[in-house]
Amino acid sequence: MIAQAPLAAGAAAPRLADGATGGDAPPVDSPGALVDADPSAYRRADELLALHIDLVATDALVNPKALEDPLLTRDLTLDEAVSLERRRHALLLRGEYRNQHGLRGLRLLQTLVRVVARQRGALIHDPDTLETVGPAVFEARRLQASLGNVADQVVVVPLPEAAGAGVRLVTRGMRRFGAVDLELGGLAADPALLQRATFLLHGLALVLVRLGEVDRSGIAVSAPERIQVETRDAIAAYAGRPGQLPRCRECPEVAAVHLVERPVEPQDPPGHYVARVVAPRPQSDAAAYNQATWVRGVIEALFGPPA
């Protein structure tokens, strides 16, 4: 996409369509088909595949309720917040890229967004996290190759358990890394416990980002049955932020988890999967398995018991 020779007349750039796996190409008329008819073209392509630009009415892209929500607009300055009423058009920038080379494609897309926002006096809305921010906040949160600051890219949202008492935490924003969003349930409504559970999810998110880098497609097309997450993964996900994560010298600071796809729910990002975080199969498949007991043990193993 950058510094490459133009395509020949009539040629299609190798790119991902919705649902593409990045493996062997399916028939071109099936979901997930590659636009290029040559199955090997996708594998030969660079990590930067395509950039889509479109101008749309703001309310066609952004739910008006998201612009009225004080939490989702909390990082706007007063002038930026007041200006929301007169913003009627949205410029949509969508990049297609592989998860390779420190997410160079994502960092390029974020650079383009920052440049356009600065030049046009625009605000920036994230369709996955539903947040709206100004250019200064967007720049401060941008993904940096030297940091791996995944926690600045992924929001963790608390929701009530689908059945019974308790809280579950769900990530939003993993789509940009080519990975599923995560749901961690079985949590008590204890602020200290929920904070540690958030650290766990961000650490696991960074592990999934790295798994995508390892896959030849650059997309996290599959996950191991058993995924190891360490306290240092969570620390790395928060790189660049002030403060320190809790540490426990007597704790193993390592745990193993398993991901299970769950049914789609209305609040999920459109067209994106969410996976439950549970114990490895030998534990979670057992009749006596208790999610609440397991997840508290994992949190204590990584960060020590909540105060």
C-alpha atoms as a PDB file:
ATOM      1  CA  MET A   1       0.000   0.000   0.000  1.00  0.00           C
ATOM      2  CA  ILE A   2       2.945   2.298   0.682  1.00  0.00           C
ATOM      3  CA  ALA A   3       5.786   2.719  -1.840  1.00  0.00           C
ATOM      4  CA  GLN A   4       4.559  -0.101  -4.061  1.00  0.00           C
ATOM      5  CA  ALA A   5       4.004  -0.169  -7.795  1.00  0.00           C
ATOM      6  CA  PRO A   6       0.390   0.511  -8.868  1.00  0.00           C
ATOM      7  CA  LEU A   7      -1.713  -2.528  -9.748  1.00  0.00           C
ATOM      8  CA  ALA A   8      -2.123  -3.430 -13.390  1.00  0.00           C
ATOM      9  CA  ALA A   9      -5.385  -2.304 -14.992  1.00  0.00           C
ATOM     10  CA  GLY A  10      -8.238  -4.487 -13.810  1.00  0.00           C
ATOM     11  CA  ALA A  11      -6.171  -6.346 -11.182  1.00  0.00           C
ATOM     12  CA  ALA A  12      -7.559  -6.798  -7.684  1.00  0.00           C
ATOM     13  CA  ALA A  13      -5.378  -6.232  -4.654  1.00  0.00           C
ATOM     14  CA  PRO A  14      -5.026  -9.273  -2.371  1.00  0.00           C
ATOM     15  CA  ARG A  15      -7.076  -8.448   0.693  1.00  0.00           C
ATOM     16  CA  LEU A  16      -9.323  -9.991   3.335  1.00  0.00           C
ATOM     17  CA  ALA A  17     -13.067 -10.091   2.931  1.00  0.00           C
ATOM     18  CA  ASP A  18     -15.395 -10.510   5.925  1.00  0.00           C
ATOM     19  CA  GLY A  19     -14.708 -13.803   7.664  1.00  0.00           C
ATOM     20  CA  ALA A  20     -11.476 -14.562   5.826  1.00  0.00           C
ATOM     21  CA  THR A  21      -9.152 -16.902   7.671  1.00  0.00           C
ATOM     22  CA  GLY A  22      -5.856 -16.154   6.022  1.00  0.00           C
ATOM     23  CA  GLY A  23      -5.290 -19.862   5.317  1.00  0.00           C
ATOM     24  CA  ASP A  24      -6.050 -21.718   2.108  1.00  0.00           C
ATOM     25  CA  ALA A  25      -8.351 -19.639  -0.056  1.00  0.00           C
ATOM     26  CA  PRO A  26     -12.017 -20.728  -0.182  1.00  0.00           C
ATOM     27  CA  PRO A  27     -14.039 -20.469  -3.429  1.00  0.00           C
ATOM     28  CA  VAL A  28     -14.265 -16.832  -4.479  1.00  0.00           C
ATOM     29  CA  ASP A  29     -18.063 -16.747  -4.070  1.00  0.00           C
ATOM     30  CA  SER A  30     -18.038 -18.055  -0.485  1.00  0.00           C
ATOM     31  CA  PRO A  31     -17.902 -16.078   2.796  1.00  0.00           C
ATOM     32  CA  GLY A  32     -14.310 -15.217   3.575  1.00  0.00           C
ATOM     33  CA  ALA A  33     -13.215 -15.445  -0.046  1.00  0.00           C
ATOM     34  CA  LEU A  34     -10.142 -13.537  -1.136  1.00  0.00           C
ATOM     35  CA  VAL A  35     -10.808 -10.759  -3.613  1.00  0.00           C
ATOM     36  CA  ASP A  36      -7.828 -11.856  -5.687  1.00  0.00           C
ATOM     37  CA  ALA A  37      -8.574 -15.070  -7.604  1.00  0.00           C
ATOM     38  CA  ASP A  38      -5.018 -16.313  -7.077  1.00  0.00           C
ATOM     39  CA  PRO A  39      -4.973 -18.292  -3.767  1.00  0.00           C
ATOM     40  CA  SER A  40      -1.268 -17.618  -3.254  1.00  0.00           C
ATOM     41  CA  ALA A  41      -1.593 -13.849  -3.732  1.00  0.00           C
ATOM     42  CA  TYR A  42      -2.787 -13.337  -0.165  1.00  0.00           C
ATOM     43  CA  ARG A  43       0.259 -15.122   1.249  1.00  0.00           C
ATOM     44  CA  ARG A  44       2.604 -13.108  -0.995  1.00  0.00           C
ATOM     45  CA  ALA A  45       1.057  -9.773  -0.060  1.00  0.00           C
ATOM     46  CA  ASP A  46       2.671  -7.367   2.363  1.00  0.00           C
ATOM     47  CA  GLU A  47       1.203  -6.872   5.848  1.00  0.00           C
ATOM     48  CA  LEU A  48      -0.552  -3.704   4.615  1.00  0.00           C
ATOM     49  CA  LEU A  49      -3.442  -4.898   2.473  1.00  0.00           C
ATOM     50  CA  ALA A  50      -5.976  -2.131   1.888  1.00  0.00           C
ATOM     51  CA  LEU A  51      -7.346   1.205   3.036  1.00  0.00           C
ATOM     52  CA  HIS A  52     -11.033   2.066   2.666  1.00  0.00           C
ATOM     53  CA  ILE A  53     -12.299   5.663   2.897  1.00  0.00           C
ATOM     54  CA  ASP A  54     -15.945   6.685   2.868  1.00  0.00           C
ATOM     55  CA  LEU A  55     -17.979   9.771   3.791  1.00  0.00           C
ATOM     56  CA  VAL A  56     -21.253   9.061   5.582  1.00  0.00           C
ATOM     57  CA  ALA A  57     -23.867  10.810   7.688  1.00  0.00           C
ATOM     58  CA  THR A  58     -22.748  10.696  11.316  1.00  0.00           C
ATOM     59  CA  ASP A  59     -25.956   9.067  12.585  1.00  0.00           C
ATOM     60  CA  ALA A  60     -25.541   6.274  10.011  1.00  0.00           C
ATOM     61  CA  LEU A  61     -22.248   5.276  11.606  1.00  0.00           C
ATOM     62  CA  VAL A  62     -22.442   6.464  15.211  1.00  0.00           C
ATOM     63  CA  ASN A  63     -25.284   5.647  17.594  1.00  0.00           C
ATOM     64  CA  PRO A  64     -26.522   9.019  18.925  1.00  0.00           C
ATOM     65  CA  LYS A  65     -26.758   7.468  22.405  1.00  0.00           C
ATOM     66  CA  ALA A  66     -22.995   6.923  22.372  1.00  0.00           C
ATOM     67  CA  LEU A  67     -22.477  10.654  21.821  1.00  0.00           C
ATOM     68  CA  GLU A  68     -24.823  11.470  24.699  1.00  0.00           C
ATOM     69  CA  ASP A  69     -23.230   9.027  27.153  1.00  0.00           C
ATOM     70  CA  PRO A  70     -21.073  10.970  29.652  1.00  0.00           C
ATOM     71  CA  LEU A  71     -18.797   7.955  30.191  1.00  0.00           C
ATOM     72  CA  LEU A  72     -18.127   7.387  26.489  1.00  0.00           C
ATOM     73  CA  THR A  73     -17.375  11.096  25.948  1.00  0.00           C
ATOM     74  CA  ARG A  74     -15.611  11.777  29.259  1.00  0.00           C
ATOM     75  CA  ASP A  75     -12.254  12.563  27.616  1.00  0.00           C
ATOM     76  CA  LEU A  76     -13.599  15.347  25.379  1.00  0.00           C
ATOM     77  CA  THR A  77     -12.760  18.924  26.283  1.00  0.00           C
ATOM     78  CA  LEU A  78     -15.721  21.215  26.954  1.00  0.00           C
ATOM     79  CA  ASP A  79     -15.406  22.815  23.493  1.00  0.00           C
ATOM     80  CA  GLU A  80     -15.210  19.397  21.826  1.00  0.00           C
ATOM     81  CA  ALA A  81     -18.269  18.149  23.721  1.00  0.00           C
ATOM     82  CA  VAL A  82     -20.307  21.230  22.792  1.00  0.00           C
ATOM     83  CA  SER A  83     -19.367  20.797  19.125  1.00  0.00           C
ATOM     84  CA  LEU A  84     -20.958  17.318  18.921  1.00  0.00           C
ATOM     85  CA  GLU A  85     -24.370  18.823  18.120  1.00  0.00           C
ATOM     86  CA  ARG A  86     -23.165  20.373  14.871  1.00  0.00           C
ATOM     87  CA  ARG A  87     -21.128  17.429  13.575  1.00  0.00           C
ATOM     88  CA  ARG A  88     -23.250  15.880  10.826  1.00  0.00           C
ATOM     89  CA  HIS A  89     -20.748  13.980   8.692  1.00  0.00           C
ATOM     90  CA  ALA A  90     -18.237  11.240   9.451  1.00  0.00           C
ATOM     91  CA  LEU A  91     -15.196  10.202   7.464  1.00  0.00           C
ATOM     92  CA  LEU A  92     -14.763   6.448   7.796  1.00  0.00           C
ATOM     93  CA  LEU A  93     -11.214   5.094   7.624  1.00  0.00           C
ATOM     94  CA  ARG A  94     -10.912   1.308   7.705  1.00  0.00           C
ATOM     95  CA  GLY A  95      -7.580  -0.442   7.278  1.00  0.00           C
ATOM     96  CA  GLU A  96      -6.935  -4.067   6.419  1.00  0.00           C
ATOM     97  CA  TYR A  97      -3.616  -5.336   7.661  1.00  0.00           C
ATOM     98  CA  ARG A  98      -1.860  -8.349   9.093  1.00  0.00           C
ATOM     99  CA  ASN A  99      -0.852  -8.584  12.742  1.00  0.00           C
ATOM    100  CA  GLN A 100       2.854  -8.428  11.944  1.00  0.00           C
ATOM    101  CA  HIS A 101       5.942  -6.338  12.707  1.00  0.00           C
ATOM    102  CA  GLY A 102       4.582  -4.783  15.879  1.00  0.00           C
ATOM    103  CA  LEU A 103       1.173  -4.133  14.285  1.00  0.00           C
ATOM    104  CA  ARG A 104       2.696  -1.803  11.713  1.00  0.00           C
ATOM    105  CA  GLY A 105      -0.569  -1.733   9.757  1.00  0.00           C
ATOM    106  CA  LEU A 106      -2.587  -0.656  12.810  1.00  0.00           C
ATOM    107  CA  ARG A 107      -0.020   1.988  13.704  1.00  0.00           C
ATOM    108  CA  LEU A 108      -0.141   3.328  10.134  1.00  0.00           C
ATOM    109  CA  LEU A 109      -3.950   3.489  10.261  1.00  0.00           C
ATOM    110  CA  GLN A 110      -3.847   5.345  13.569  1.00  0.00           C
ATOM    111  CA  THR A 111      -1.309   7.792  12.135  1.00  0.00           C
ATOM    112  CA  LEU A 112      -3.610   8.509   9.175  1.00  0.00           C
ATOM    113  CA  VAL A 113      -6.544   9.031  11.537  1.00  0.00           C
ATOM    114  CA  ARG A 114      -4.526  11.485  13.624  1.00  0.00           C
ATOM    115  CA  VAL A 115      -3.393  13.438  10.566  1.00  0.00           C
ATOM    116  CA  VAL A 116      -6.918  13.729   9.142  1.00  0.00           C
ATOM    117  CA  ALA A 117      -8.410  14.664  12.524  1.00  0.00           C
ATOM    118  CA  ARG A 118      -5.813  17.412  13.025  1.00  0.00           C
ATOM    119  CA  GLN A 119      -6.301  18.805   9.513  1.00  0.00           C
ATOM    120  CA  ARG A 120     -10.110  18.691   9.564  1.00  0.00           C
ATOM    121  CA  GLY A 121     -10.705  19.603  13.190  1.00  0.00           C
ATOM    122  CA  ALA A 122     -12.450  16.265  13.621  1.00  0.00           C
ATOM    123  CA  LEU A 123     -13.230  14.126  16.639  1.00  0.00           C
ATOM    124  CA  ILE A 124     -12.517  10.399  16.571  1.00  0.00           C
ATOM    125  CA  HIS A 125     -15.152   7.739  17.289  1.00  0.00           C
ATOM    126  CA  ASP A 126     -14.182   4.101  17.880  1.00  0.00           C
ATOM    127  CA  PRO A 127     -16.983   1.793  16.629  1.00  0.00           C
ATOM    128  CA  ASP A 128     -15.775  -1.090  18.826  1.00  0.00           C
ATOM    129  CA  THR A 129     -15.321   0.648  22.167  1.00  0.00           C
ATOM    130  CA  LEU A 130     -17.967   3.331  21.322  1.00  0.00           C
ATOM    131  CA  GLU A 131     -15.722   6.040  22.784  1.00  0.00           C
ATOM    132  CA  THR A 132     -15.349   9.487  21.196  1.00  0.00           C
ATOM    133  CA  VAL A 133     -12.138  11.425  21.832  1.00  0.00           C
ATOM    134  CA  GLY A 134     -10.221  14.390  20.492  1.00  0.00           C
ATOM    135  CA  PRO A 135      -6.963  14.153  18.512  1.00  0.00           C
ATOM    136  CA  ALA A 136      -4.786  14.831  21.578  1.00  0.00           C
ATOM    137  CA  VAL A 137      -6.270  11.950  23.586  1.00  0.00           C
ATOM    138  CA  PHE A 138      -6.198   9.648  20.550  1.00  0.00           C
ATOM    139  CA  GLU A 139      -2.512  10.394  20.015  1.00  0.00           C
ATOM    140  CA  ALA A 140      -1.688   9.770  23.678  1.00  0.00           C
ATOM    141  CA  ARG A 141      -3.373   6.347  23.502  1.00  0.00           C
ATOM    142  CA  ARG A 142      -1.951   5.260  20.139  1.00  0.00           C
ATOM    143  CA  LEU A 143      -0.308   1.844  19.915  1.00  0.00           C
ATOM    144  CA  GLN A 144       3.447   2.187  20.174  1.00  0.00           C
ATOM    145  CA  ALA A 145       5.730  -0.549  18.893  1.00  0.00           C
ATOM    146  CA  SER A 146       8.273   0.094  21.639  1.00  0.00           C
ATOM    147  CA  LEU A 147       5.664  -0.320  24.400  1.00  0.00           C
ATOM    148  CA  GLY A 148       3.018  -2.853  23.354  1.00  0.00           C
ATOM    149  CA  ASN A 149       0.491  -0.755  25.308  1.00  0.00           C
ATOM    150  CA  VAL A 150      -2.522  -2.964  24.589  1.00  0.00           C
ATOM    151  CA  ALA A 151      -4.444  -1.641  27.613  1.00  0.00           C
ATOM    152  CA  ASP A 152      -4.713   1.735  25.839  1.00  0.00           C
ATOM    153  CA  GLN A 153      -6.445   0.018  22.906  1.00  0.00           C
ATOM    154  CA  VAL A 154      -8.844  -2.375  24.640  1.00  0.00           C
ATOM    155  CA  VAL A 155     -11.717  -1.326  26.918  1.00  0.00           C
ATOM    156  CA  VAL A 156     -13.014  -3.662  29.635  1.00  0.00           C
ATOM    157  CA  VAL A 157     -16.753  -3.345  30.321  1.00  0.00           C
ATOM    158  CA  PRO A 158     -18.542  -4.792  33.389  1.00  0.00           C
ATOM    159  CA  LEU A 159     -21.855  -6.570  32.770  1.00  0.00           C
ATOM    160  CA  PRO A 160     -24.184  -8.583  35.018  1.00  0.00           C
ATOM    161  CA  GLU A 161     -23.927 -12.346  34.707  1.00  0.00           C
ATOM    162  CA  ALA A 162     -26.308 -13.710  32.079  1.00  0.00           C
ATOM    163  CA  ALA A 163     -27.778 -16.020  34.710  1.00  0.00           C
ATOM    164  CA  GLY A 164     -27.486 -15.660  38.471  1.00  0.00           C
ATOM    165  CA  ALA A 165     -25.694 -13.129  40.630  1.00  0.00           C
ATOM    166  CA  GLY A 166     -22.227 -11.782  39.969  1.00  0.00           C
ATOM    167  CA  VAL A 167     -20.314  -9.762  37.382  1.00  0.00           C
ATOM    168  CA  ARG A 168     -18.589 -10.585  34.108  1.00  0.00           C
ATOM    169  CA  LEU A 169     -16.003  -8.436  32.364  1.00  0.00           C
ATOM    170  CA  VAL A 170     -15.986  -8.174  28.563  1.00  0.00           C
ATOM    171  CA  THR A 171     -13.318  -6.588  26.366  1.00  0.00           C
ATOM    172  CA  ARG A 172     -14.016  -4.350  23.389  1.00  0.00           C
ATOM    173  CA  GLY A 173     -11.394  -3.533  20.771  1.00  0.00           C
ATOM    174  CA  MET A 174      -9.666  -6.873  20.094  1.00  0.00           C
ATOM    175  CA  ARG A 175     -10.912  -6.799  16.491  1.00  0.00           C
ATOM    176  CA  ARG A 176      -8.094  -4.368  15.595  1.00  0.00           C
ATOM    177  CA  PHE A 177      -5.591  -7.088  16.553  1.00  0.00           C
ATOM    178  CA  GLY A 178      -7.323  -9.803  14.507  1.00  0.00           C
ATOM    179  CA  ALA A 179      -8.438 -11.638  17.665  1.00  0.00           C
ATOM    180  CA  VAL A 180     -11.658 -12.440  19.516  1.00  0.00           C
ATOM    181  CA  ASP A 181     -12.898 -10.299  22.365  1.00  0.00           C
ATOM    182  CA  LEU A 182     -12.791 -11.903  25.817  1.00  0.00           C
ATOM    183  CA  GLU A 183     -15.341 -12.490  28.566  1.00  0.00           C
ATOM    184  CA  LEU A 184     -14.370 -13.362  32.130  1.00  0.00           C
ATOM    185  CA  GLY A 185     -17.283 -14.381  34.358  1.00  0.00           C
ATOM    186  CA  GLY A 186     -17.778 -15.716  37.843  1.00  0.00           C
ATOM    187  CA  LEU A 187     -16.663 -12.502  39.537  1.00  0.00           C
ATOM    188  CA  ALA A 188     -18.011 -10.988  42.728  1.00  0.00           C
ATOM    189  CA  ALA A 189     -18.926  -7.297  42.764  1.00  0.00           C
ATOM    190  CA  ASP A 190     -15.742  -6.433  44.658  1.00  0.00           C
ATOM    191  CA  PRO A 191     -13.820  -3.435  43.222  1.00  0.00           C
ATOM    192  CA  ALA A 192     -10.394  -4.822  44.175  1.00  0.00           C
ATOM    193  CA  LEU A 193     -11.189  -8.194  42.589  1.00  0.00           C
ATOM    194  CA  LEU A 194     -12.600  -6.590  39.432  1.00  0.00           C
ATOM    195  CA  GLN A 195      -9.484  -4.421  39.074  1.00  0.00           C
ATOM    196  CA  ARG A 196      -7.248  -7.490  39.210  1.00  0.00           C
ATOM    197  CA  ALA A 197      -9.548  -9.288  36.765  1.00  0.00           C
ATOM    198  CA  THR A 198      -9.123  -6.333  34.387  1.00  0.00           C
ATOM    199  CA  PHE A 199      -5.340  -6.680  34.673  1.00  0.00           C
ATOM    200  CA  LEU A 200      -5.734 -10.377  33.824  1.00  0.00           C
ATOM    201  CA  LEU A 201      -7.811  -9.644  30.712  1.00  0.00           C
ATOM    202  CA  HIS A 202      -5.362  -7.054  29.412  1.00  0.00           C
ATOM    203  CA  GLY A 203      -2.461  -9.450  29.983  1.00  0.00           C
ATOM    204  CA  LEU A 204      -4.316 -12.206  28.129  1.00  0.00           C
ATOM    205  CA  ALA A 205      -5.137  -9.734  25.345  1.00  0.00           C
ATOM    206  CA  LEU A 206      -1.425  -9.073  24.844  1.00  0.00           C
ATOM    207  CA  VAL A 207      -0.751 -12.830  24.732  1.00  0.00           C
ATOM    208  CA  LEU A 208      -3.354 -13.197  21.946  1.00  0.00           C
ATOM    209  CA  VAL A 209      -1.825 -10.305  20.025  1.00  0.00           C
ATOM    210  CA  ARG A 210       1.537 -12.064  20.114  1.00  0.00           C
ATOM    211  CA  LEU A 211      -0.048 -15.354  19.010  1.00  0.00           C
ATOM    212  CA  GLY A 212      -1.409 -13.536  15.959  1.00  0.00           C
ATOM    213  CA  GLU A 213       2.102 -12.355  15.109  1.00  0.00           C
ATOM    214  CA  VAL A 214       3.315 -15.947  15.184  1.00  0.00           C
ATOM    215  CA  ASP A 215       0.630 -17.256  12.816  1.00  0.00           C
ATOM    216  CA  ARG A 216       1.751 -17.170   9.186  1.00  0.00           C
ATOM    217  CA  SER A 217      -1.365 -15.234   8.167  1.00  0.00           C
ATOM    218  CA  GLY A 218      -0.815 -12.546  10.781  1.00  0.00           C
ATOM    219  CA  ILE A 219      -4.370 -13.177  11.998  1.00  0.00           C
ATOM    220  CA  ALA A 220      -5.187 -15.174  15.141  1.00  0.00           C
ATOM    221  CA  VAL A 221      -7.023 -17.896  13.203  1.00  0.00           C
ATOM    222  CA  SER A 222      -6.750 -20.442  16.033  1.00  0.00           C
ATOM    223  CA  ALA A 223      -5.701 -20.611  19.653  1.00  0.00           C
ATOM    224  CA  PRO A 224      -3.953 -23.342  21.629  1.00  0.00           C
ATOM    225  CA  GLU A 225      -6.112 -25.471  23.922  1.00  0.00           C
ATOM    226  CA  ARG A 226      -4.068 -24.176  26.841  1.00  0.00           C
ATOM    227  CA  ILE A 227      -2.893 -20.548  26.865  1.00  0.00           C
ATOM    228  CA  GLN A 228      -0.378 -19.377  29.428  1.00  0.00           C
ATOM    229  CA  VAL A 229      -0.635 -15.858  30.832  1.00  0.00           C
ATOM    230  CA  GLU A 230       1.860 -14.308  33.241  1.00  0.00           C
ATOM    231  CA  THR A 231       1.892 -11.261  35.479  1.00  0.00           C
ATOM    232  CA  ARG A 232       4.589  -9.761  33.289  1.00  0.00           C
ATOM    233  CA  ASP A 233       2.152  -9.888  30.319  1.00  0.00           C
ATOM    234  CA  ALA A 234      -0.264  -7.653  32.226  1.00  0.00           C
ATOM    235  CA  ILE A 235       2.581  -5.317  33.203  1.00  0.00           C
ATOM    236  CA  ALA A 236       3.650  -5.067  29.549  1.00  0.00           C
ATOM    237  CA  ALA A 237       0.064  -4.323  28.452  1.00  0.00           C
ATOM    238  CA  TYR A 238       0.082  -1.241  30.707  1.00  0.00           C
ATOM    239  CA  ALA A 239       3.485   0.014  29.536  1.00  0.00           C
ATOM    240  CA  GLY A 240       3.712   3.796  29.462  1.00  0.00           C
ATOM    241  CA  ARG A 241       1.065   4.346  32.151  1.00  0.00           C
ATOM    242  CA  PRO A 242       1.959   5.717  35.583  1.00  0.00           C
ATOM    243  CA  GLY A 243       1.664   3.450  38.611  1.00  0.00           C
ATOM    244  CA  GLN A 244       2.448  -0.202  39.168  1.00  0.00           C
ATOM    245  CA  LEU A 245       0.427  -3.394  39.056  1.00  0.00           C
ATOM    246  CA  PRO A 246       0.217  -5.455  42.269  1.00  0.00           C
ATOM    247  CA  ARG A 247       2.960  -8.055  42.697  1.00  0.00           C
ATOM    248  CA  CYS A 248       3.178 -11.067  45.004  1.00  0.00           C
ATOM    249  CA  ARG A 249       6.620 -12.543  45.725  1.00  0.00           C
ATOM    250  CA  GLU A 250       5.156 -15.789  47.043  1.00  0.00           C
ATOM    251  CA  CYS A 251       2.785 -16.229  44.054  1.00  0.00           C
ATOM    252  CA  PRO A 252       3.634 -18.248  40.915  1.00  0.00           C
ATOM    253  CA  GLU A 253       2.652 -15.233  38.727  1.00  0.00           C
ATOM    254  CA  VAL A 254       1.614 -17.608  35.944  1.00  0.00           C
ATOM    255  CA  ALA A 255      -1.687 -19.287  35.062  1.00  0.00           C
ATOM    256  CA  ALA A 256      -3.246 -21.310  32.245  1.00  0.00           C
ATOM    257  CA  VAL A 257      -6.610 -20.595  30.604  1.00  0.00           C
ATOM    258  CA  HIS A 258      -8.829 -21.973  27.841  1.00  0.00           C
ATOM    259  CA  LEU A 259     -11.084 -20.015  25.439  1.00  0.00           C
ATOM    260  CA  VAL A 260     -14.606 -21.102  24.501  1.00  0.00           C
ATOM    261  CA  GLU A 261     -16.693 -19.234  21.920  1.00  0.00           C
ATOM    262  CA  ARG A 262     -19.994 -18.084  23.388  1.00  0.00           C
ATOM    263  CA  PRO A 263     -23.291 -17.214  21.636  1.00  0.00           C
ATOM    264  CA  VAL A 264     -23.627 -13.716  20.238  1.00  0.00           C
ATOM    265  CA  GLU A 265     -25.329 -11.158  22.509  1.00  0.00           C
ATOM    266  CA  PRO A 266     -26.977  -7.851  21.495  1.00  0.00           C
ATOM    267  CA  GLN A 267     -24.264  -5.671  23.059  1.00  0.00           C
ATOM    268  CA  ASP A 268     -21.416  -7.423  21.193  1.00  0.00           C
ATOM    269  CA  PRO A 269     -19.553  -5.560  18.424  1.00  0.00           C
ATOM    270  CA  PRO A 270     -21.345  -6.396  15.125  1.00  0.00           C
ATOM    271  CA  GLY A 271     -19.779  -9.260  13.220  1.00  0.00           C
ATOM    272  CA  HIS A 272     -17.231 -10.080  15.901  1.00  0.00           C
ATOM    273  CA  TYR A 273     -16.815 -13.079  18.182  1.00  0.00           C
ATOM    274  CA  VAL A 274     -16.462 -13.169  21.957  1.00  0.00           C
ATOM    275  CA  ALA A 275     -14.798 -16.061  23.811  1.00  0.00           C
ATOM    276  CA  ARG A 276     -15.278 -17.008  27.460  1.00  0.00           C
ATOM    277  CA  VAL A 277     -12.137 -17.387  29.554  1.00  0.00           C
ATOM    278  CA  VAL A 278     -12.348 -20.625  31.554  1.00  0.00           C
ATOM    279  CA  ALA A 279     -10.028 -23.189  33.123  1.00  0.00           C
ATOM    280  CA  PRO A 280      -8.118 -25.611  30.874  1.00  0.00           C
ATOM    281  CA  ARG A 281     -10.296 -28.438  29.534  1.00  0.00           C
ATOM    282  CA  PRO A 282      -9.508 -31.105  32.175  1.00  0.00           C
ATOM    283  CA  GLN A 283     -10.874 -28.720  34.828  1.00  0.00           C
ATOM    284  CA  SER A 284     -13.637 -26.861  32.997  1.00  0.00           C
ATOM    285  CA  ASP A 285     -15.095 -30.058  31.496  1.00  0.00           C
ATOM    286  CA  ALA A 286     -15.451 -31.662  34.932  1.00  0.00           C
ATOM    287  CA  ALA A 287     -18.951 -31.870  36.443  1.00  0.00           C
ATOM    288  CA  ALA A 288     -17.776 -30.233  39.687  1.00  0.00           C
ATOM    289  CA  TYR A 289     -16.136 -27.250  37.949  1.00  0.00           C
ATOM    290  CA  ASN A 290     -16.872 -23.881  39.548  1.00  0.00           C
ATOM    291  CA  GLN A 291     -15.946 -20.801  37.508  1.00  0.00           C
ATOM    292  CA  ALA A 292     -16.016 -18.397  40.470  1.00  0.00           C
ATOM    293  CA  THR A 293     -13.625 -20.533  42.522  1.00  0.00           C
ATOM    294  CA  TRP A 294     -11.266 -21.061  39.595  1.00  0.00           C
ATOM    295  CA  VAL A 295     -11.087 -17.430  38.500  1.00  0.00           C
ATOM    296  CA  ARG A 296     -10.403 -16.182  42.021  1.00  0.00           C
ATOM    297  CA  GLY A 297      -7.554 -18.702  42.289  1.00  0.00           C
ATOM    298  CA  VAL A 298      -6.085 -17.498  38.972  1.00  0.00           C
ATOM    299  CA  ILE A 299      -6.256 -13.854  40.041  1.00  0.00           C
ATOM    300  CA  GLU A 300      -4.532 -14.650  43.348  1.00  0.00           C
ATOM    301  CA  ALA A 301      -1.868 -16.691  41.547  1.00  0.00           C
ATOM    302  CA  LEU A 302      -1.045 -13.706  39.310  1.00  0.00           C
ATOM    303  CA  PHE A 303      -1.475 -10.709  41.621  1.00  0.00           C
ATOM    304  CA  GLY A 304      -2.021 -12.014  45.137  1.00  0.00           C
ATOM    305  CA  PRO A 305      -5.320 -11.841  47.063  1.00  0.00           C
ATOM    306  CA  PRO A 306      -7.313  -8.595  46.793  1.00  0.00           C
ATOM    307  CA  ALA A 307      -6.829  -6.324  49.791  1.00  0.00           C
END
